């Protein structure tokens, strides 16, 4: 994949919302997966949501955020979004966009080890 570029991070108060954007080269011969991860200092990288670039979209969410976060794709803008609502201080982390052409198993769909290409990350800070 071409380099991934995240944007839309920043600071927000608890209960607020942010929408992260990942600029992705969607002009590829075959579909692939795009996912959002986050990592806070001293913690492991955590998978949040994933989406296919296929015309028939499929999404996956970690149970911890499925009621608050939503992943979507805008093909015209070559962008994958992560809408984050009802943010809490525990959401504070550096957020990453990543892609992979395929999974070896469905259990790896939100596993950092399954993803080959990564953006540089963008900070999200949620204050009380």
N, C-alpha and C. Protein backbone atom coordinates (compact mmCIF):
# COMPACT_ATOMS: atom_id res chain seq x y z
N UNK A 1 0.83 -1.19 0.00
CA UNK A 1 0.00 0.00 0.00
C UNK A 1 0.87 1.25 0.00
N UNK A 2 0.31 2.33 -0.52
CA UNK A 2 0.95 3.62 -0.41
C UNK A 2 0.91 4.07 1.05
N UNK A 3 1.74 5.05 1.43
CA UNK A 3 1.72 5.52 2.81
C UNK A 3 0.33 5.96 3.26
N UNK A 4 0.01 5.61 4.49
CA UNK A 4 -1.26 5.98 5.08
C UNK A 4 -1.08 7.24 5.91
N UNK A 5 -2.07 8.13 5.85
CA UNK A 5 -1.99 9.40 6.54
C UNK A 5 -3.24 9.58 7.38
N UNK A 6 -3.06 9.68 8.70
CA UNK A 6 -4.17 9.89 9.61
C UNK A 6 -4.34 11.38 9.89
N UNK A 7 -5.57 11.77 10.17
CA UNK A 7 -5.86 13.13 10.57
C UNK A 7 -7.14 13.13 11.39
N UNK A 8 -7.42 14.25 12.02
CA UNK A 8 -8.65 14.41 12.77
C UNK A 8 -8.52 14.21 14.26
N UNK A 9 -7.32 13.93 14.75
CA UNK A 9 -7.13 13.77 16.17
C UNK A 9 -7.09 15.10 16.88
N UNK A 10 -6.86 15.03 18.18
CA UNK A 10 -6.81 16.23 18.98
C UNK A 10 -7.32 15.98 20.37
N UNK A 11 -7.72 17.04 21.02
CA UNK A 11 -8.21 16.97 22.40
C UNK A 11 -9.71 17.22 22.44
N UNK A 12 -10.37 16.49 23.31
CA UNK A 12 -11.81 16.62 23.46
C UNK A 12 -12.18 16.28 24.90
N UNK A 13 -13.24 16.86 25.38
CA UNK A 13 -13.72 16.55 26.72
C UNK A 13 -14.51 15.25 26.72
N UNK A 14 -14.53 14.61 27.87
CA UNK A 14 -15.29 13.38 28.02
C UNK A 14 -16.74 13.59 27.59
N UNK A 15 -17.26 12.61 26.87
CA UNK A 15 -18.60 12.70 26.33
C UNK A 15 -18.66 13.27 24.93
N UNK A 16 -17.57 13.82 24.46
CA UNK A 16 -17.53 14.41 23.14
C UNK A 16 -17.23 13.39 22.06
N UNK A 17 -17.05 13.90 20.84
CA UNK A 17 -16.85 13.05 19.68
C UNK A 17 -15.68 13.55 18.85
N UNK A 18 -15.07 12.63 18.13
CA UNK A 18 -14.06 12.93 17.14
C UNK A 18 -14.25 12.00 15.96
N UNK A 19 -13.86 12.46 14.79
CA UNK A 19 -13.84 11.61 13.62
C UNK A 19 -12.43 11.60 13.04
N UNK A 20 -11.81 10.44 13.08
CA UNK A 20 -10.49 10.27 12.52
C UNK A 20 -10.59 9.90 11.05
N UNK A 21 -9.64 10.36 10.27
CA UNK A 21 -9.60 10.07 8.85
C UNK A 21 -8.28 9.39 8.50
N UNK A 22 -8.35 8.44 7.61
CA UNK A 22 -7.18 7.75 7.11
C UNK A 22 -7.20 7.83 5.60
N UNK A 23 -6.26 8.56 5.04
CA UNK A 23 -6.15 8.65 3.60
C UNK A 23 -5.49 7.37 3.09
N UNK A 24 -6.21 6.66 2.24
CA UNK A 24 -5.80 5.34 1.78
C UNK A 24 -5.88 5.29 0.26
N UNK A 25 -4.90 4.65 -0.35
CA UNK A 25 -4.96 4.41 -1.79
C UNK A 25 -5.91 3.25 -2.03
N UNK A 26 -7.10 3.56 -2.51
CA UNK A 26 -8.11 2.54 -2.76
C UNK A 26 -8.11 2.05 -4.19
N UNK A 27 -7.25 2.60 -5.01
CA UNK A 27 -7.16 2.21 -6.41
C UNK A 27 -6.20 1.03 -6.53
N UNK A 28 -6.67 -0.13 -6.13
CA UNK A 28 -5.86 -1.34 -6.15
C UNK A 28 -6.56 -2.42 -6.96
N UNK A 29 -5.77 -3.38 -7.39
CA UNK A 29 -6.32 -4.44 -8.21
C UNK A 29 -7.23 -5.37 -7.42
N UNK A 30 -6.92 -5.55 -6.16
CA UNK A 30 -7.68 -6.46 -5.31
C UNK A 30 -8.08 -5.74 -4.03
N UNK A 31 -9.18 -6.16 -3.42
CA UNK A 31 -9.59 -5.53 -2.17
C UNK A 31 -8.65 -5.88 -1.03
N UNK A 32 -8.75 -5.12 0.04
CA UNK A 32 -7.93 -5.36 1.21
C UNK A 32 -8.69 -4.87 2.44
N UNK A 33 -8.07 -5.01 3.58
CA UNK A 33 -8.67 -4.61 4.84
C UNK A 33 -8.00 -3.35 5.38
N UNK A 34 -8.80 -2.49 5.96
CA UNK A 34 -8.31 -1.30 6.65
C UNK A 34 -8.82 -1.35 8.08
N UNK A 35 -7.96 -1.07 9.02
CA UNK A 35 -8.34 -1.15 10.42
C UNK A 35 -7.77 0.03 11.20
N UNK A 36 -8.42 0.30 12.31
CA UNK A 36 -7.95 1.30 13.26
C UNK A 36 -7.49 0.62 14.54
N UNK A 37 -6.35 1.06 15.03
CA UNK A 37 -5.78 0.58 16.27
C UNK A 37 -5.46 1.78 17.16
N UNK A 38 -5.18 1.49 18.40
CA UNK A 38 -4.71 2.53 19.31
C UNK A 38 -3.74 1.93 20.30
N UNK A 39 -2.88 2.79 20.82
CA UNK A 39 -1.91 2.35 21.80
C UNK A 39 -1.62 3.49 22.77
N UNK A 40 -1.84 3.22 24.03
CA UNK A 40 -1.52 4.15 25.08
C UNK A 40 -0.17 3.80 25.67
N UNK A 41 0.52 4.76 26.26
CA UNK A 41 1.82 4.46 26.86
C UNK A 41 1.74 3.33 27.87
N UNK A 42 2.65 2.37 27.75
CA UNK A 42 2.68 1.26 28.67
C UNK A 42 1.66 0.18 28.40
N UNK A 43 0.88 0.31 27.34
CA UNK A 43 -0.15 -0.68 27.01
C UNK A 43 0.11 -1.26 25.62
N UNK A 44 -0.45 -2.42 25.38
CA UNK A 44 -0.32 -3.06 24.09
C UNK A 44 -1.20 -2.39 23.06
N UNK A 45 -0.82 -2.52 21.81
CA UNK A 45 -1.64 -1.99 20.74
C UNK A 45 -2.94 -2.76 20.65
N UNK A 46 -4.03 -2.02 20.50
CA UNK A 46 -5.37 -2.57 20.60
C UNK A 46 -6.13 -2.35 19.30
N UNK A 47 -6.68 -3.42 18.74
CA UNK A 47 -7.49 -3.31 17.55
C UNK A 47 -8.89 -2.83 17.88
N UNK A 48 -9.41 -1.91 17.08
CA UNK A 48 -10.71 -1.29 17.35
C UNK A 48 -11.77 -1.66 16.32
N UNK A 49 -11.45 -1.52 15.05
CA UNK A 49 -12.43 -1.73 14.01
C UNK A 49 -11.73 -1.99 12.69
N UNK A 50 -12.38 -2.75 11.82
CA UNK A 50 -11.82 -3.07 10.52
C UNK A 50 -12.92 -3.06 9.48
N UNK A 51 -12.55 -2.76 8.24
CA UNK A 51 -13.51 -2.70 7.15
C UNK A 51 -12.82 -3.17 5.87
N UNK A 52 -13.58 -3.82 5.01
CA UNK A 52 -13.05 -4.21 3.71
C UNK A 52 -13.22 -3.07 2.72
N UNK A 53 -12.41 -3.12 1.67
CA UNK A 53 -12.58 -2.18 0.56
C UNK A 53 -13.43 -2.77 -0.55
N UNK A 54 -14.01 -3.91 -0.33
CA UNK A 54 -14.90 -4.51 -1.30
C UNK A 54 -16.16 -3.67 -1.46
N UNK A 55 -16.81 -3.82 -2.62
CA UNK A 55 -18.05 -3.10 -2.85
C UNK A 55 -19.09 -3.50 -1.80
N UNK A 56 -19.16 -4.78 -1.51
CA UNK A 56 -20.00 -5.27 -0.44
C UNK A 56 -19.18 -5.20 0.85
N UNK A 57 -19.44 -4.19 1.65
CA UNK A 57 -18.60 -3.91 2.80
C UNK A 57 -18.89 -4.86 3.95
N UNK A 58 -17.85 -5.19 4.67
CA UNK A 58 -17.94 -5.96 5.89
C UNK A 58 -17.13 -5.25 6.95
N UNK A 59 -17.68 -5.12 8.12
CA UNK A 59 -16.99 -4.45 9.21
C UNK A 59 -16.89 -5.36 10.42
N UNK A 60 -15.86 -5.14 11.22
CA UNK A 60 -15.66 -5.83 12.48
C UNK A 60 -15.31 -4.81 13.53
N UNK A 61 -15.78 -5.05 14.74
CA UNK A 61 -15.51 -4.17 15.86
C UNK A 61 -15.08 -4.97 17.07
N UNK A 62 -14.17 -4.40 17.81
CA UNK A 62 -13.90 -4.94 19.13
C UNK A 62 -15.10 -4.66 20.03
N UNK A 63 -15.43 -5.63 20.85
CA UNK A 63 -16.61 -5.48 21.70
C UNK A 63 -16.54 -4.26 22.60
N UNK A 64 -15.35 -3.84 22.94
CA UNK A 64 -15.20 -2.74 23.87
C UNK A 64 -15.62 -1.40 23.29
N UNK A 65 -15.70 -1.29 21.96
CA UNK A 65 -16.01 0.00 21.34
C UNK A 65 -17.15 -0.08 20.35
N UNK A 66 -17.74 -1.23 20.14
CA UNK A 66 -18.72 -1.39 19.07
C UNK A 66 -19.96 -0.53 19.26
N UNK A 67 -20.27 -0.15 20.47
CA UNK A 67 -21.43 0.68 20.74
C UNK A 67 -21.13 2.17 20.64
N UNK A 68 -19.86 2.52 20.51
CA UNK A 68 -19.47 3.93 20.50
C UNK A 68 -18.72 4.35 19.24
N UNK A 69 -18.03 3.42 18.61
CA UNK A 69 -17.20 3.74 17.44
C UNK A 69 -17.83 3.15 16.19
N UNK A 70 -17.58 3.80 15.06
CA UNK A 70 -18.07 3.32 13.78
C UNK A 70 -17.03 3.57 12.70
N UNK A 71 -16.74 2.54 11.93
CA UNK A 71 -15.80 2.66 10.83
C UNK A 71 -16.58 2.73 9.52
N UNK A 72 -16.11 3.54 8.60
CA UNK A 72 -16.77 3.69 7.31
C UNK A 72 -15.75 4.07 6.26
N UNK A 73 -16.15 3.99 5.01
CA UNK A 73 -15.24 4.27 3.90
C UNK A 73 -15.91 5.20 2.91
N UNK A 74 -15.16 6.16 2.41
CA UNK A 74 -15.61 7.07 1.38
C UNK A 74 -14.67 6.88 0.20
N UNK A 75 -15.13 6.14 -0.78
CA UNK A 75 -14.27 5.81 -1.91
C UNK A 75 -13.92 7.02 -2.76
N UNK A 76 -14.84 7.96 -2.86
CA UNK A 76 -14.58 9.16 -3.64
C UNK A 76 -13.45 9.98 -3.04
N UNK A 77 -13.33 9.96 -1.73
CA UNK A 77 -12.28 10.71 -1.04
C UNK A 77 -11.09 9.85 -0.66
N UNK A 78 -11.13 8.57 -1.01
CA UNK A 78 -10.05 7.64 -0.66
C UNK A 78 -9.75 7.69 0.83
N UNK A 79 -10.81 7.67 1.62
CA UNK A 79 -10.66 7.87 3.05
C UNK A 79 -11.46 6.84 3.82
N UNK A 80 -10.87 6.32 4.88
CA UNK A 80 -11.55 5.49 5.85
C UNK A 80 -11.66 6.28 7.14
N UNK A 81 -12.87 6.32 7.69
CA UNK A 81 -13.14 7.11 8.88
C UNK A 81 -13.32 6.22 10.09
N UNK A 82 -13.02 6.78 11.24
CA UNK A 82 -13.41 6.19 12.51
C UNK A 82 -14.15 7.26 13.30
N UNK A 83 -15.46 7.12 13.38
CA UNK A 83 -16.27 8.01 14.17
C UNK A 83 -16.28 7.53 15.61
N UNK A 84 -15.90 8.38 16.53
CA UNK A 84 -15.80 8.02 17.93
C UNK A 84 -16.72 8.93 18.73
N UNK A 85 -17.67 8.33 19.40
CA UNK A 85 -18.65 9.06 20.19
C UNK A 85 -18.54 8.67 21.66
N UNK A 86 -19.08 9.52 22.50
CA UNK A 86 -19.10 9.27 23.94
C UNK A 86 -17.71 8.91 24.46
N UNK A 87 -16.77 9.72 24.11
CA UNK A 87 -15.39 9.45 24.48
C UNK A 87 -15.17 9.58 25.98
N UNK A 88 -14.26 8.76 26.48
CA UNK A 88 -13.91 8.76 27.89
C UNK A 88 -12.40 8.88 28.00
N UNK A 89 -11.89 9.30 29.15
CA UNK A 89 -10.44 9.45 29.28
C UNK A 89 -9.65 8.20 28.93
N UNK A 90 -10.22 7.04 29.13
CA UNK A 90 -9.54 5.79 28.79
C UNK A 90 -9.33 5.63 27.29
N UNK A 91 -9.99 6.43 26.48
CA UNK A 91 -9.77 6.42 25.04
C UNK A 91 -8.52 7.18 24.64
N UNK A 92 -7.90 7.87 25.57
CA UNK A 92 -6.69 8.61 25.27
C UNK A 92 -5.59 7.66 24.81
N UNK A 93 -5.06 7.90 23.63
CA UNK A 93 -4.06 7.01 23.04
C UNK A 93 -3.61 7.61 21.72
N UNK A 94 -2.59 6.99 21.16
CA UNK A 94 -2.20 7.29 19.80
C UNK A 94 -2.93 6.31 18.88
N UNK A 95 -3.63 6.83 17.90
CA UNK A 95 -4.46 6.02 17.02
C UNK A 95 -3.78 5.82 15.68
N UNK A 96 -3.84 4.60 15.18
CA UNK A 96 -3.17 4.22 13.95
C UNK A 96 -4.16 3.63 12.95
N UNK A 97 -3.94 3.94 11.71
CA UNK A 97 -4.61 3.29 10.60
C UNK A 97 -3.65 2.27 10.00
N UNK A 98 -4.16 1.12 9.62
CA UNK A 98 -3.32 0.07 9.06
C UNK A 98 -4.10 -0.71 8.01
N UNK A 99 -3.36 -1.36 7.12
CA UNK A 99 -3.99 -2.17 6.07
C UNK A 99 -3.27 -3.51 5.94
N UNK A 100 -3.99 -4.46 5.41
CA UNK A 100 -3.43 -5.75 5.09
C UNK A 100 -4.22 -6.35 3.93
N UNK A 101 -3.57 -7.08 3.05
CA UNK A 101 -4.30 -7.65 1.92
C UNK A 101 -5.24 -8.77 2.29
N UNK A 102 -4.94 -9.49 3.35
CA UNK A 102 -5.76 -10.63 3.73
C UNK A 102 -5.43 -11.05 5.14
N UNK A 103 -6.34 -11.84 5.70
CA UNK A 103 -6.12 -12.45 7.00
C UNK A 103 -5.82 -13.93 6.82
N UNK A 104 -4.93 -14.43 7.65
CA UNK A 104 -4.72 -15.87 7.70
C UNK A 104 -5.89 -16.57 8.37
N UNK A 105 -6.55 -15.87 9.26
CA UNK A 105 -7.72 -16.39 9.96
C UNK A 105 -8.56 -15.22 10.42
N UNK A 106 -9.86 -15.44 10.54
CA UNK A 106 -10.74 -14.38 10.98
C UNK A 106 -10.41 -13.89 12.38
N UNK A 107 -9.82 -14.75 13.17
CA UNK A 107 -9.45 -14.35 14.52
C UNK A 107 -8.37 -13.28 14.55
N UNK A 108 -7.71 -13.05 13.43
CA UNK A 108 -6.65 -12.05 13.34
C UNK A 108 -7.13 -10.72 12.80
N UNK A 109 -8.42 -10.56 12.59
CA UNK A 109 -8.94 -9.38 11.92
C UNK A 109 -8.65 -8.08 12.66
N UNK A 110 -8.47 -8.15 13.97
CA UNK A 110 -8.13 -6.98 14.76
C UNK A 110 -6.81 -7.18 15.49
N UNK A 111 -5.97 -8.02 14.96
CA UNK A 111 -4.67 -8.28 15.55
C UNK A 111 -3.61 -7.43 14.86
N UNK A 112 -2.84 -6.65 15.59
CA UNK A 112 -1.79 -5.85 14.95
C UNK A 112 -0.82 -6.67 14.11
N UNK A 113 -0.56 -7.90 14.52
CA UNK A 113 0.39 -8.72 13.80
C UNK A 113 -0.08 -9.08 12.41
N UNK A 114 -1.37 -8.96 12.13
CA UNK A 114 -1.92 -9.32 10.83
C UNK A 114 -1.80 -8.20 9.81
N UNK A 115 -1.43 -7.01 10.24
CA UNK A 115 -1.43 -5.85 9.36
C UNK A 115 -0.02 -5.49 8.93
N UNK A 116 0.11 -5.23 7.65
CA UNK A 116 1.42 -5.02 7.06
C UNK A 116 1.81 -3.55 6.98
N UNK A 117 0.87 -2.67 6.66
CA UNK A 117 1.17 -1.27 6.41
C UNK A 117 0.50 -0.41 7.47
N UNK A 118 1.24 0.57 7.97
CA UNK A 118 0.79 1.40 9.07
C UNK A 118 1.03 2.87 8.81
N UNK A 119 0.10 3.69 9.28
CA UNK A 119 0.34 5.11 9.33
C UNK A 119 1.22 5.46 10.51
N UNK A 120 1.56 6.74 10.62
CA UNK A 120 2.44 7.19 11.69
C UNK A 120 1.71 7.39 13.01
N UNK A 121 0.41 7.42 12.99
CA UNK A 121 -0.37 7.58 14.20
C UNK A 121 -0.74 9.02 14.46
N UNK A 122 -1.81 9.20 15.21
CA UNK A 122 -2.29 10.53 15.57
C UNK A 122 -2.82 10.47 17.00
N UNK A 123 -2.52 11.50 17.76
CA UNK A 123 -2.87 11.52 19.17
C UNK A 123 -4.31 11.93 19.39
N UNK A 124 -4.98 11.21 20.28
CA UNK A 124 -6.31 11.56 20.77
C UNK A 124 -6.22 11.67 22.28
N UNK A 125 -6.64 12.79 22.81
CA UNK A 125 -6.62 13.01 24.24
C UNK A 125 -8.01 13.40 24.71
N UNK A 126 -8.51 12.66 25.68
CA UNK A 126 -9.84 12.90 26.23
C UNK A 126 -9.69 13.31 27.68
N UNK A 127 -10.18 14.46 28.01
CA UNK A 127 -10.07 14.99 29.37
C UNK A 127 -11.38 14.83 30.11
N UNK A 128 -11.27 14.76 31.43
CA UNK A 128 -12.45 14.62 32.26
C UNK A 128 -13.22 15.93 32.34
